[in-house]
Amino acid sequence: MEQLFNYEDRLVRFAGEVVLFVANIPENYIGYYYSDQLIRSSGSGALNYGEAQATVTNKDFIYKMSLVVKELKESRCTLKILRYTGIGKHKKGQWLLSECEELIAIGSKMINNKR
């Protein structure tokens, strides 16, 4: 996959790849539950970052970025559950998990740099 250096672009790609990933998850209660959860948390990370870019104060930026990181951590946990249960494409799920970890680290560093 193409290497992106812009954080927003990476968040958008992550959320988009999640949508493509969950399209292959079984259509049953478990699949619907975790697919919905993962789509919402991954998309929320990208959307909250858009809001963080419009903040005026460091305090507001830190708050919005903490929401980005929180949603990414939720996505990470959902991806781990799917991996543990063997649901979803293994290779794609592993890439998503790795990308999510990197996005969390970058977001956390942005927060620390504003403190």
PDB file of N, CA and C in Angstrom:
ATOM      1  N   MET A   1       0.842  -1.176   0.000  1.00  0.00           N
ATOM      2  CA  MET A   1       0.000   0.000   0.000  1.00  0.00           C
ATOM      3  C   MET A   1       0.891   1.244   0.000  1.00  0.00           C
ATOM      4  N   GLU A   2       0.448   2.268  -0.698  1.00  0.00           N
ATOM      5  CA  GLU A   2       1.212   3.514  -0.814  1.00  0.00           C
ATOM      6  C   GLU A   2       1.456   4.126   0.563  1.00  0.00           C
ATOM      7  N   GLN A   3       2.660   4.615   0.770  1.00  0.00           N
ATOM      8  CA  GLN A   3       2.997   5.235   2.044  1.00  0.00           C
ATOM      9  C   GLN A   3       2.522   6.688   2.039  1.00  0.00           C
ATOM     10  N   LEU A   4       1.726   7.039   3.027  1.00  0.00           N
ATOM     11  CA  LEU A   4       1.225   8.402   3.170  1.00  0.00           C
ATOM     12  C   LEU A   4       1.904   9.052   4.365  1.00  0.00           C
ATOM     13  N   PHE A   5       2.177  10.347   4.246  1.00  0.00           N
ATOM     14  CA  PHE A   5       2.843  11.058   5.328  1.00  0.00           C
ATOM     15  C   PHE A   5       1.923  12.061   6.014  1.00  0.00           C
ATOM     16  N   ASN A   6       0.811  12.401   5.398  1.00  0.00           N
ATOM     17  CA  ASN A   6      -0.143  13.330   5.982  1.00  0.00           C
ATOM     18  C   ASN A   6      -1.060  12.556   6.934  1.00  0.00           C
ATOM     19  N   TYR A   7      -1.139  13.008   8.189  1.00  0.00           N
ATOM     20  CA  TYR A   7      -1.903  12.293   9.207  1.00  0.00           C
ATOM     21  C   TYR A   7      -3.382  12.185   8.833  1.00  0.00           C
ATOM     22  N   GLU A   8      -3.969  13.274   8.364  1.00  0.00           N
ATOM     23  CA  GLU A   8      -5.379  13.230   7.979  1.00  0.00           C
ATOM     24  C   GLU A   8      -5.609  12.216   6.862  1.00  0.00           C
ATOM     25  N   ASP A   9      -4.734  12.216   5.868  1.00  0.00           N
ATOM     26  CA  ASP A   9      -4.865  11.254   4.769  1.00  0.00           C
ATOM     27  C   ASP A   9      -4.770   9.818   5.275  1.00  0.00           C
ATOM     28  N   ARG A  10      -3.896   9.584   6.244  1.00  0.00           N
ATOM     29  CA  ARG A  10      -3.769   8.233   6.811  1.00  0.00           C
ATOM     30  C   ARG A  10      -5.019   7.846   7.585  1.00  0.00           C
ATOM     31  N   LEU A  11      -5.585   8.784   8.327  1.00  0.00           N
ATOM     32  CA  LEU A  11      -6.819   8.499   9.065  1.00  0.00           C
ATOM     33  C   LEU A  11      -7.972   8.192   8.112  1.00  0.00           C
ATOM     34  N   VAL A  12      -8.056   8.964   7.041  1.00  0.00           N
ATOM     35  CA  VAL A  12      -9.111   8.744   6.048  1.00  0.00           C
ATOM     36  C   VAL A  12      -8.914   7.387   5.376  1.00  0.00           C
ATOM     37  N   ARG A  13      -7.686   7.071   4.999  1.00  0.00           N
ATOM     38  CA  ARG A  13      -7.424   5.773   4.377  1.00  0.00           C
ATOM     39  C   ARG A  13      -7.749   4.642   5.351  1.00  0.00           C
ATOM     40  N   PHE A  14      -7.354   4.786   6.607  1.00  0.00           N
ATOM     41  CA  PHE A  14      -7.653   3.771   7.610  1.00  0.00           C
ATOM     42  C   PHE A  14      -9.156   3.526   7.708  1.00  0.00           C
ATOM     43  N   ALA A  15      -9.940   4.602   7.823  1.00  0.00           N
ATOM     44  CA  ALA A  15     -11.396   4.457   7.920  1.00  0.00           C
ATOM     45  C   ALA A  15     -11.963   3.821   6.653  1.00  0.00           C
ATOM     46  N   GLY A  16     -11.448   4.207   5.496  1.00  0.00           N
ATOM     47  CA  GLY A  16     -11.908   3.621   4.237  1.00  0.00           C
ATOM     48  C   GLY A  16     -11.562   2.150   4.115  1.00  0.00           C
ATOM     49  N   GLU A  17     -10.353   1.791   4.528  1.00  0.00           N
ATOM     50  CA  GLU A  17      -9.939   0.383   4.477  1.00  0.00           C
ATOM     51  C   GLU A  17     -10.744  -0.457   5.459  1.00  0.00           C
ATOM     52  N   VAL A  18     -11.167   0.141   6.577  1.00  0.00           N
ATOM     53  CA  VAL A  18     -12.035  -0.571   7.517  1.00  0.00           C
ATOM     54  C   VAL A  18     -13.358  -0.902   6.839  1.00  0.00           C
ATOM     55  N   VAL A  19     -13.918   0.052   6.112  1.00  0.00           N
ATOM     56  CA  VAL A  19     -15.186  -0.183   5.399  1.00  0.00           C
ATOM     57  C   VAL A  19     -15.030  -1.362   4.437  1.00  0.00           C
ATOM     58  N   LEU A  20     -13.932  -1.375   3.692  1.00  0.00           N
ATOM     59  CA  LEU A  20     -13.691  -2.478   2.751  1.00  0.00           C
ATOM     60  C   LEU A  20     -13.462  -3.800   3.490  1.00  0.00           C
ATOM     61  N   PHE A  21     -12.792  -3.748   4.618  1.00  0.00           N
ATOM     62  CA  PHE A  21     -12.507  -4.932   5.425  1.00  0.00           C
ATOM     63  C   PHE A  21     -13.794  -5.566   5.964  1.00  0.00           C
ATOM     64  N   VAL A  22     -14.676  -4.747   6.515  1.00  0.00           N
ATOM     65  CA  VAL A  22     -15.886  -5.303   7.128  1.00  0.00           C
ATOM     66  C   VAL A  22     -16.876  -5.827   6.095  1.00  0.00           C
ATOM     67  N   ALA A  23     -16.706  -5.442   4.847  1.00  0.00           N
ATOM     68  CA  ALA A  23     -17.592  -5.967   3.803  1.00  0.00           C
ATOM     69  C   ALA A  23     -17.474  -7.483   3.683  1.00  0.00           C
ATOM     70  N   ASN A  24     -16.383  -8.055   4.165  1.00  0.00           N
ATOM     71  CA  ASN A  24     -16.159  -9.493   4.088  1.00  0.00           C
ATOM     72  C   ASN A  24     -16.425 -10.221   5.404  1.00  0.00           C
ATOM     73  N   ILE A  25     -16.923  -9.513   6.383  1.00  0.00           N
ATOM     74  CA  ILE A  25     -17.234 -10.141   7.668  1.00  0.00           C
ATOM     75  C   ILE A  25     -18.610 -10.803   7.568  1.00  0.00           C
ATOM     76  N   PRO A  26     -18.780 -11.978   8.154  1.00  0.00           N
ATOM     77  CA  PRO A  26     -20.059 -12.701   8.062  1.00  0.00           C
ATOM     78  C   PRO A  26     -21.258 -11.853   8.481  1.00  0.00           C
ATOM     79  N   GLU A  27     -22.359 -12.080   7.788  1.00  0.00           N
ATOM     80  CA  GLU A  27     -23.586 -11.345   8.082  1.00  0.00           C
ATOM     81  C   GLU A  27     -24.403 -12.104   9.122  1.00  0.00           C
ATOM     82  N   ASN A  28     -23.977 -11.970  10.360  1.00  0.00           N
ATOM     83  CA  ASN A  28     -24.697 -12.532  11.496  1.00  0.00           C
ATOM     84  C   ASN A  28     -24.598 -11.528  12.646  1.00  0.00           C
ATOM     85  N   TYR A  29     -25.165 -11.855  13.791  1.00  0.00           N
ATOM     86  CA  TYR A  29     -25.181 -10.915  14.916  1.00  0.00           C
ATOM     87  C   TYR A  29     -23.769 -10.439  15.268  1.00  0.00           C
ATOM     88  N   ILE A  30     -22.847 -11.352  15.385  1.00  0.00           N
ATOM     89  CA  ILE A  30     -21.473 -11.006  15.755  1.00  0.00           C
ATOM     90  C   ILE A  30     -20.842 -10.116  14.688  1.00  0.00           C
ATOM     91  N   GLY A  31     -21.007 -10.499  13.438  1.00  0.00           N
ATOM     92  CA  GLY A  31     -20.453  -9.708  12.341  1.00  0.00           C
ATOM     93  C   GLY A  31     -21.014  -8.300  12.304  1.00  0.00           C
ATOM     94  N   TYR A  32     -22.338  -8.174  12.450  1.00  0.00           N
ATOM     95  CA  TYR A  32     -22.960  -6.851  12.440  1.00  0.00           C
ATOM     96  C   TYR A  32     -22.458  -6.004  13.610  1.00  0.00           C
ATOM     97  N   TYR A  33     -22.399  -6.608  14.776  1.00  0.00           N
ATOM     98  CA  TYR A  33     -22.005  -5.876  15.983  1.00  0.00           C
ATOM     99  C   TYR A  33     -20.593  -5.297  15.846  1.00  0.00           C
ATOM    100  N   TYR A  34     -19.643  -6.155  15.509  1.00  0.00           N
ATOM    101  CA  TYR A  34     -18.256  -5.688  15.442  1.00  0.00           C
ATOM    102  C   TYR A  34     -17.982  -4.847  14.196  1.00  0.00           C
ATOM    103  N   SER A  35     -18.664  -5.113  13.117  1.00  0.00           N
ATOM    104  CA  SER A  35     -18.517  -4.284  11.924  1.00  0.00           C
ATOM    105  C   SER A  35     -18.980  -2.861  12.210  1.00  0.00           C
ATOM    106  N   ASP A  36     -20.160  -2.756  12.807  1.00  0.00           N
ATOM    107  CA  ASP A  36     -20.711  -1.445  13.144  1.00  0.00           C
ATOM    108  C   ASP A  36     -19.783  -0.694  14.096  1.00  0.00           C
ATOM    109  N   GLN A  37     -19.325  -1.384  15.109  1.00  0.00           N
ATOM    110  CA  GLN A  37     -18.430  -0.779  16.105  1.00  0.00           C
ATOM    111  C   GLN A  37     -17.156  -0.269  15.435  1.00  0.00           C
ATOM    112  N   LEU A  38     -16.572  -1.075  14.587  1.00  0.00           N
ATOM    113  CA  LEU A  38     -15.309  -0.726  13.938  1.00  0.00           C
ATOM    114  C   LEU A  38     -15.479   0.417  12.938  1.00  0.00           C
ATOM    115  N   ILE A  39     -16.560   0.403  12.189  1.00  0.00           N
ATOM    116  CA  ILE A  39     -16.813   1.497  11.243  1.00  0.00           C
ATOM    117  C   ILE A  39     -16.983   2.821  11.990  1.00  0.00           C
ATOM    118  N   ARG A  40     -17.749   2.794  13.082  1.00  0.00           N
ATOM    119  CA  ARG A  40     -17.991   4.031  13.823  1.00  0.00           C
ATOM    120  C   ARG A  40     -16.717   4.567  14.476  1.00  0.00           C
ATOM    121  N   SER A  41     -15.946   3.709  15.119  1.00  0.00           N
ATOM    122  CA  SER A  41     -14.755   4.201  15.813  1.00  0.00           C
ATOM    123  C   SER A  41     -13.666   4.661  14.846  1.00  0.00           C
ATOM    124  N   SER A  42     -13.475   3.948  13.756  1.00  0.00           N
ATOM    125  CA  SER A  42     -12.432   4.351  12.797  1.00  0.00           C
ATOM    126  C   SER A  42     -12.808   5.660  12.102  1.00  0.00           C
ATOM    127  N   GLY A  43     -14.065   5.794  11.722  1.00  0.00           N
ATOM    128  CA  GLY A  43     -14.521   7.028  11.087  1.00  0.00           C
ATOM    129  C   GLY A  43     -14.499   8.207  12.042  1.00  0.00           C
ATOM    130  N   SER A  44     -14.830   7.945  13.291  1.00  0.00           N
ATOM    131  CA  SER A  44     -14.829   9.003  14.297  1.00  0.00           C
ATOM    132  C   SER A  44     -13.431   9.563  14.524  1.00  0.00           C
ATOM    133  N   GLY A  45     -12.425   8.706  14.459  1.00  0.00           N
ATOM    134  CA  GLY A  45     -11.048   9.179  14.600  1.00  0.00           C
ATOM    135  C   GLY A  45     -10.706  10.205  13.531  1.00  0.00           C
ATOM    136  N   ALA A  46     -11.059   9.906  12.297  1.00  0.00           N
ATOM    137  CA  ALA A  46     -10.782  10.829  11.194  1.00  0.00           C
ATOM    138  C   ALA A  46     -11.582  12.126  11.338  1.00  0.00           C
ATOM    139  N   LEU A  47     -12.850  12.002  11.701  1.00  0.00           N
ATOM    140  CA  LEU A  47     -13.700  13.187  11.813  1.00  0.00           C
ATOM    141  C   LEU A  47     -13.275  14.078  12.968  1.00  0.00           C
ATOM    142  N   ASN A  48     -12.908  13.492  14.084  1.00  0.00           N
ATOM    143  CA  ASN A  48     -12.439  14.295  15.216  1.00  0.00           C
ATOM    144  C   ASN A  48     -11.130  14.996  14.904  1.00  0.00           C
ATOM    145  N   TYR A  49     -10.297  14.382  14.080  1.00  0.00           N
ATOM    146  CA  TYR A  49      -9.058  15.056  13.691  1.00  0.00           C
ATOM    147  C   TYR A  49      -9.378  16.294  12.854  1.00  0.00           C
ATOM    148  N   GLY A  50     -10.374  16.201  12.004  1.00  0.00           N
ATOM    149  CA  GLY A  50     -10.812  17.374  11.250  1.00  0.00           C
ATOM    150  C   GLY A  50     -11.217  18.512  12.174  1.00  0.00           C
ATOM    151  N   GLU A  51     -11.908  18.172  13.263  1.00  0.00           N
ATOM    152  CA  GLU A  51     -12.284  19.179  14.253  1.00  0.00           C
ATOM    153  C   GLU A  51     -11.062  19.705  15.000  1.00  0.00           C
ATOM    154  N   ALA A  52     -10.113  18.842  15.292  1.00  0.00           N
ATOM    155  CA  ALA A  52      -8.911  19.260  16.018  1.00  0.00           C
ATOM    156  C   ALA A  52      -8.127  20.297  15.229  1.00  0.00           C
ATOM    157  N   GLN A  53      -8.147  20.177  13.917  1.00  0.00           N
ATOM    158  CA  GLN A  53      -7.414  21.123  13.078  1.00  0.00           C
ATOM    159  C   GLN A  53      -8.023  22.518  13.126  1.00  0.00           C
ATOM    160  N   ALA A  54      -9.282  22.619  13.531  1.00  0.00           N
ATOM    161  CA  ALA A  54      -9.952  23.916  13.569  1.00  0.00           C
ATOM    162  C   ALA A  54      -9.944  24.549  14.960  1.00  0.00           C
ATOM    163  N   THR A  55      -9.263  23.941  15.904  1.00  0.00           N
ATOM    164  CA  THR A  55      -9.251  24.488  17.258  1.00  0.00           C
ATOM    165  C   THR A  55      -8.376  25.736  17.327  1.00  0.00           C
ATOM    166  N   VAL A  56      -8.666  26.561  18.316  1.00  0.00           N
ATOM    167  CA  VAL A  56      -7.946  27.823  18.486  1.00  0.00           C
ATOM    168  C   VAL A  56      -6.881  27.718  19.576  1.00  0.00           C
ATOM    169  N   THR A  57      -7.195  26.989  20.629  1.00  0.00           N
ATOM    170  CA  THR A  57      -6.255  26.900  21.756  1.00  0.00           C
ATOM    171  C   THR A  57      -5.610  25.516  21.820  1.00  0.00           C
ATOM    172  N   ASN A  58      -4.466  25.461  22.481  1.00  0.00           N
ATOM    173  CA  ASN A  58      -3.793  24.178  22.696  1.00  0.00           C
ATOM    174  C   ASN A  58      -4.668  23.237  23.516  1.00  0.00           C
ATOM    175  N   LYS A  59      -5.378  23.782  24.497  1.00  0.00           N
ATOM    176  CA  LYS A  59      -6.252  22.965  25.341  1.00  0.00           C
ATOM    177  C   LYS A  59      -7.334  22.284  24.498  1.00  0.00           C
ATOM    178  N   ASP A  60      -7.942  23.043  23.600  1.00  0.00           N
ATOM    179  CA  ASP A  60      -8.973  22.470  22.717  1.00  0.00           C
ATOM    180  C   ASP A  60      -8.371  21.417  21.788  1.00  0.00           C
ATOM    181  N   PHE A  61      -7.188  21.702  21.256  1.00  0.00           N
ATOM    182  CA  PHE A  61      -6.519  20.748  20.369  1.00  0.00           C
ATOM    183  C   PHE A  61      -6.235  19.444  21.118  1.00  0.00           C
ATOM    184  N   ILE A  62      -5.710  19.563  22.325  1.00  0.00           N
ATOM    185  CA  ILE A  62      -5.398  18.367  23.120  1.00  0.00           C
ATOM    186  C   ILE A  62      -6.663  17.561  23.384  1.00  0.00           C
ATOM    187  N   TYR A  63      -7.751  18.249  23.701  1.00  0.00           N
ATOM    188  CA  TYR A  63      -9.011  17.553  23.958  1.00  0.00           C
ATOM    189  C   TYR A  63      -9.481  16.791  22.716  1.00  0.00           C
ATOM    190  N   LYS A  64      -9.511  17.464  21.576  1.00  0.00           N
ATOM    191  CA  LYS A  64      -9.970  16.810  20.344  1.00  0.00           C
ATOM    192  C   LYS A  64      -9.041  15.669  19.936  1.00  0.00           C
ATOM    193  N   MET A  65      -7.742  15.877  20.092  1.00  0.00           N
ATOM    194  CA  MET A  65      -6.793  14.813  19.747  1.00  0.00           C
ATOM    195  C   MET A  65      -6.926  13.630  20.705  1.00  0.00           C
ATOM    196  N   SER A  66      -7.292  13.915  21.951  1.00  0.00           N
ATOM    197  CA  SER A  66      -7.498  12.799  22.886  1.00  0.00           C
ATOM    198  C   SER A  66      -8.696  11.957  22.446  1.00  0.00           C
ATOM    199  N   LEU A  67      -9.693  12.596  21.820  1.00  0.00           N
ATOM    200  CA  LEU A  67     -10.827  11.844  21.266  1.00  0.00           C
ATOM    201  C   LEU A  67     -10.388  10.999  20.074  1.00  0.00           C
ATOM    202  N   VAL A  68      -9.511  11.554  19.240  1.00  0.00           N
ATOM    203  CA  VAL A  68      -8.973  10.801  18.102  1.00  0.00           C
ATOM    204  C   VAL A  68      -8.287   9.538  18.610  1.00  0.00           C
ATOM    205  N   VAL A  69      -7.402   9.710  19.582  1.00  0.00           N
ATOM    206  CA  VAL A  69      -6.644   8.569  20.122  1.00  0.00           C
ATOM    207  C   VAL A  69      -7.579   7.571  20.791  1.00  0.00           C
ATOM    208  N   LYS A  70      -8.576   8.074  21.530  1.00  0.00           N
ATOM    209  CA  LYS A  70      -9.545   7.190  22.191  1.00  0.00           C
ATOM    210  C   LYS A  70     -10.278   6.322  21.164  1.00  0.00           C
ATOM    211  N   GLU A  71     -10.736   6.928  20.082  1.00  0.00           N
ATOM    212  CA  GLU A  71     -11.459   6.184  19.055  1.00  0.00           C
ATOM    213  C   GLU A  71     -10.544   5.181  18.347  1.00  0.00           C
ATOM    214  N   LEU A  72      -9.303   5.568  18.126  1.00  0.00           N
ATOM    215  CA  LEU A  72      -8.351   4.632  17.514  1.00  0.00           C
ATOM    216  C   LEU A  72      -8.069   3.450  18.440  1.00  0.00           C
ATOM    217  N   LYS A  73      -7.991   3.703  19.733  1.00  0.00           N
ATOM    218  CA  LYS A  73      -7.783   2.600  20.680  1.00  0.00           C
ATOM    219  C   LYS A  73      -8.981   1.658  20.698  1.00  0.00           C
ATOM    220  N   GLU A  74     -10.160   2.224  20.533  1.00  0.00           N
ATOM    221  CA  GLU A  74     -11.361   1.387  20.425  1.00  0.00           C
ATOM    222  C   GLU A  74     -11.298   0.537  19.160  1.00  0.00           C
ATOM    223  N   SER A  75     -10.872   1.151  18.061  1.00  0.00           N
ATOM    224  CA  SER A  75     -10.707   0.406  16.807  1.00  0.00           C
ATOM    225  C   SER A  75      -9.687  -0.715  16.979  1.00  0.00           C
ATOM    226  N   ARG A  76      -8.590  -0.408  17.646  1.00  0.00           N
ATOM    227  CA  ARG A  76      -7.542  -1.407  17.874  1.00  0.00           C
ATOM    228  C   ARG A  76      -8.090  -2.599  18.644  1.00  0.00           C
ATOM    229  N   CYS A  77      -8.851  -2.332  19.676  1.00  0.00           N
ATOM    230  CA  CYS A  77      -9.405  -3.421  20.490  1.00  0.00           C
ATOM    231  C   CYS A  77     -10.372  -4.281  19.666  1.00  0.00           C
ATOM    232  N   THR A  78     -11.201  -3.643  18.865  1.00  0.00           N
ATOM    233  CA  THR A  78     -12.134  -4.390  18.006  1.00  0.00           C
ATOM    234  C   THR A  78     -11.375  -5.251  17.009  1.00  0.00           C
ATOM    235  N   LEU A  79     -10.326  -4.688  16.417  1.00  0.00           N
ATOM    236  CA  LEU A  79      -9.505  -5.468  15.471  1.00  0.00           C
ATOM    237  C   LEU A  79      -8.849  -6.662  16.162  1.00  0.00           C
ATOM    238  N   LYS A  80      -8.427  -6.481  17.402  1.00  0.00           N
ATOM    239  CA  LYS A  80      -7.825  -7.592  18.152  1.00  0.00           C
ATOM    240  C   LYS A  80      -8.852  -8.690  18.419  1.00  0.00           C
ATOM    241  N   ILE A  81     -10.080  -8.287  18.732  1.00  0.00           N
ATOM    242  CA  ILE A  81     -11.140  -9.275  18.960  1.00  0.00           C
ATOM    243  C   ILE A  81     -11.408 -10.057  17.679  1.00  0.00           C
ATOM    244  N   LEU A  82     -11.493  -9.346  16.561  1.00  0.00           N
ATOM    245  CA  LEU A  82     -11.735 -10.018  15.279  1.00  0.00           C
ATOM    246  C   LEU A  82     -10.584 -10.961  14.931  1.00  0.00           C
ATOM    247  N   ARG A  83      -9.361 -10.532  15.208  1.00  0.00           N
ATOM    248  CA  ARG A  83      -8.203 -11.396  14.943  1.00  0.00           C
ATOM    249  C   ARG A  83      -8.255 -12.637  15.833  1.00  0.00           C
ATOM    250  N   TYR A  84      -8.559 -12.425  17.107  1.00  0.00           N
ATOM    251  CA  TYR A  84      -8.620 -13.544  18.055  1.00  0.00           C
ATOM    252  C   TYR A  84      -9.657 -14.582  17.628  1.00  0.00           C
ATOM    253  N   THR A  85     -10.795 -14.111  17.130  1.00  0.00           N
ATOM    254  CA  THR A  85     -11.876 -15.025  16.751  1.00  0.00           C
ATOM    255  C   THR A  85     -11.729 -15.555  15.325  1.00  0.00           C
ATOM    256  N   GLY A  86     -10.755 -15.029  14.578  1.00  0.00           N
ATOM    257  CA  GLY A  86     -10.527 -15.497  13.215  1.00  0.00           C
ATOM    258  C   GLY A  86     -11.509 -14.928  12.206  1.00  0.00           C
ATOM    259  N   ILE A  87     -12.214 -13.857  12.587  1.00  0.00           N
ATOM    260  CA  ILE A  87     -13.184 -13.238  11.690  1.00  0.00           C
ATOM    261  C   ILE A  87     -12.477 -12.199  10.825  1.00  0.00           C
ATOM    262  N   GLY A  88     -12.786 -12.184   9.536  1.00  0.00           N
ATOM    263  CA  GLY A  88     -12.198 -11.207   8.622  1.00  0.00           C
ATOM    264  C   GLY A  88     -10.944 -11.743   7.958  1.00  0.00           C
ATOM    265  N   LYS A  89     -10.532 -11.050   6.915  1.00  0.00           N
ATOM    266  CA  LYS A  89      -9.321 -11.448   6.197  1.00  0.00           C
ATOM    267  C   LYS A  89      -8.105 -11.190   7.067  1.00  0.00           C
ATOM    268  N   HIS A  90      -7.333 -12.229   7.285  1.00  0.00           N
ATOM    269  CA  HIS A  90      -6.199 -12.136   8.209  1.00  0.00           C
ATOM    270  C   HIS A  90      -5.187 -11.076   7.794  1.00  0.00           C
ATOM    271  N   LYS A  91      -4.774 -11.098   6.533  1.00  0.00           N
ATOM    272  CA  LYS A  91      -3.733 -10.177   6.075  1.00  0.00           C
ATOM    273  C   LYS A  91      -4.198  -8.726   6.176  1.00  0.00           C
ATOM    274  N   LYS A  92      -5.410  -8.444   5.736  1.00  0.00           N
ATOM    275  CA  LYS A  92      -5.957  -7.089   5.805  1.00  0.00           C
ATOM    276  C   LYS A  92      -6.141  -6.659   7.258  1.00  0.00           C
ATOM    277  N   GLY A  93      -6.634  -7.561   8.091  1.00  0.00           N
ATOM    278  CA  GLY A  93      -6.814  -7.256   9.508  1.00  0.00           C
ATOM    279  C   GLY A  93      -5.502  -6.941  10.185  1.00  0.00           C
ATOM    280  N   GLN A  94      -4.452  -7.656   9.820  1.00  0.00           N
ATOM    281  CA  GLN A  94      -3.135  -7.404  10.404  1.00  0.00           C
ATOM    282  C   GLN A  94      -2.613  -6.037   9.976  1.00  0.00           C
ATOM    283  N   TRP A  95      -2.814  -5.675   8.701  1.00  0.00           N
ATOM    284  CA  TRP A  95      -2.389  -4.356   8.236  1.00  0.00           C
ATOM    285  C   TRP A  95      -3.149  -3.259   8.977  1.00  0.00           C
ATOM    286  N   LEU A  96      -4.469  -3.438   9.135  1.00  0.00           N
ATOM    287  CA  LEU A  96      -5.276  -2.450   9.846  1.00  0.00           C
ATOM    288  C   LEU A  96      -4.810  -2.285  11.282  1.00  0.00           C
ATOM    289  N   LEU A  97      -4.506  -3.391  11.928  1.00  0.00           N
ATOM    290  CA  LEU A  97      -4.041  -3.334  13.312  1.00  0.00           C
ATOM    291  C   LEU A  97      -2.709  -2.589  13.407  1.00  0.00           C
ATOM    292  N   SER A  98      -1.804  -2.878  12.502  1.00  0.00           N
ATOM    293  CA  SER A  98      -0.505  -2.214  12.485  1.00  0.00           C
ATOM    294  C   SER A  98      -0.657  -0.715  12.203  1.00  0.00           C
ATOM    295  N   GLU A  99      -1.484  -0.370  11.232  1.00  0.00           N
ATOM    296  CA  GLU A  99      -1.714   1.037  10.899  1.00  0.00           C
ATOM    297  C   GLU A  99      -2.369   1.759  12.066  1.00  0.00           C
ATOM    298  N   CYS A 100      -3.292   1.103  12.722  1.00  0.00           N
ATOM    299  CA  CYS A 100      -3.960   1.693  13.876  1.00  0.00           C
ATOM    300  C   CYS A 100      -2.958   1.996  14.982  1.00  0.00           C
ATOM    301  N   GLU A 101      -2.054   1.079  15.239  1.00  0.00           N
ATOM    302  CA  GLU A 101      -1.007   1.291  16.254  1.00  0.00           C
ATOM    303  C   GLU A 101      -0.161   2.517  15.918  1.00  0.00           C
ATOM    304  N   GLU A 102       0.205   2.649  14.645  1.00  0.00           N
ATOM    305  CA  GLU A 102       1.014   3.797  14.238  1.00  0.00           C
ATOM    306  C   GLU A 102       0.231   5.097  14.375  1.00  0.00           C
ATOM    307  N   LEU A 103      -1.044   5.085  14.015  1.00  0.00           N
ATOM    308  CA  LEU A 103      -1.867   6.284  14.131  1.00  0.00           C
ATOM    309  C   LEU A 103      -2.045   6.694  15.591  1.00  0.00           C
ATOM    310  N   ILE A 104      -2.183   5.726  16.480  1.00  0.00           N
ATOM    311  CA  ILE A 104      -2.269   6.015  17.918  1.00  0.00           C
ATOM    312  C   ILE A 104      -0.976   6.666  18.393  1.00  0.00           C
ATOM    313  N   ALA A 105       0.155   6.116  17.987  1.00  0.00           N
ATOM    314  CA  ALA A 105       1.451   6.662  18.411  1.00  0.00           C
ATOM    315  C   ALA A 105       1.638   8.092  17.902  1.00  0.00           C
ATOM    316  N   ILE A 106       1.273   8.338  16.660  1.00  0.00           N
ATOM    317  CA  ILE A 106       1.409   9.685  16.099  1.00  0.00           C
ATOM    318  C   ILE A 106       0.487  10.665  16.821  1.00  0.00           C
ATOM    319  N   GLY A 107      -0.760  10.267  17.021  1.00  0.00           N
ATOM    320  CA  GLY A 107      -1.714  11.131  17.721  1.00  0.00           C
ATOM    321  C   GLY A 107      -1.271  11.432  19.140  1.00  0.00           C
ATOM    322  N   SER A 108      -0.755  10.433  19.832  1.00  0.00           N
ATOM    323  CA  SER A 108      -0.262  10.629  21.201  1.00  0.00           C
ATOM    324  C   SER A 108       0.919  11.584  21.226  1.00  0.00           C
ATOM    325  N   LYS A 109       1.774  11.473  20.246  1.00  0.00           N
ATOM    326  CA  LYS A 109       2.935  12.375  20.144  1.00  0.00           C
ATOM    327  C   LYS A 109       2.480  13.803  19.885  1.00  0.00           C
ATOM    328  N   MET A 110       1.454  13.991  19.050  1.00  0.00           N
ATOM    329  CA  MET A 110       0.916  15.333  18.798  1.00  0.00           C
ATOM    330  C   MET A 110       0.403  15.948  20.096  1.00  0.00           C
ATOM    331  N   ILE A 111      -0.292  15.134  20.904  1.00  0.00           N
ATOM    332  CA  ILE A 111      -0.804  15.614  22.190  1.00  0.00           C
ATOM    333  C   ILE A 111       0.356  16.022  23.098  1.00  0.00           C
ATOM    334  N   ASN A 112       1.347  15.167  23.217  1.00  0.00           N
ATOM    335  CA  ASN A 112       2.504  15.461  24.076  1.00  0.00           C
ATOM    336  C   ASN A 112       3.260  16.706  23.619  1.00  0.00           C
ATOM    337  N   ASN A 113       3.326  16.924  22.318  1.00  0.00           N
ATOM    338  CA  ASN A 113       4.028  18.095  21.793  1.00  0.00           C
ATOM    339  C   ASN A 113       3.293  19.406  22.108  1.00  0.00           C
ATOM    340  N   LYS A 114       1.985  19.348  22.328  1.00  0.00           N
ATOM    341  CA  LYS A 114       1.196  20.545  22.639  1.00  0.00           C
ATOM    342  C   LYS A 114       1.162  20.840  24.133  1.00  0.00           C
ATOM    343  N   ARG A 115       1.618  19.901  24.945  1.00  0.00           N
ATOM    344  CA  ARG A 115       1.576  20.114  26.407  1.00  0.00           C
ATOM    345  C   ARG A 115       2.702  20.973  26.869  1.00  0.00           C
TER     346      ARG A 115
END
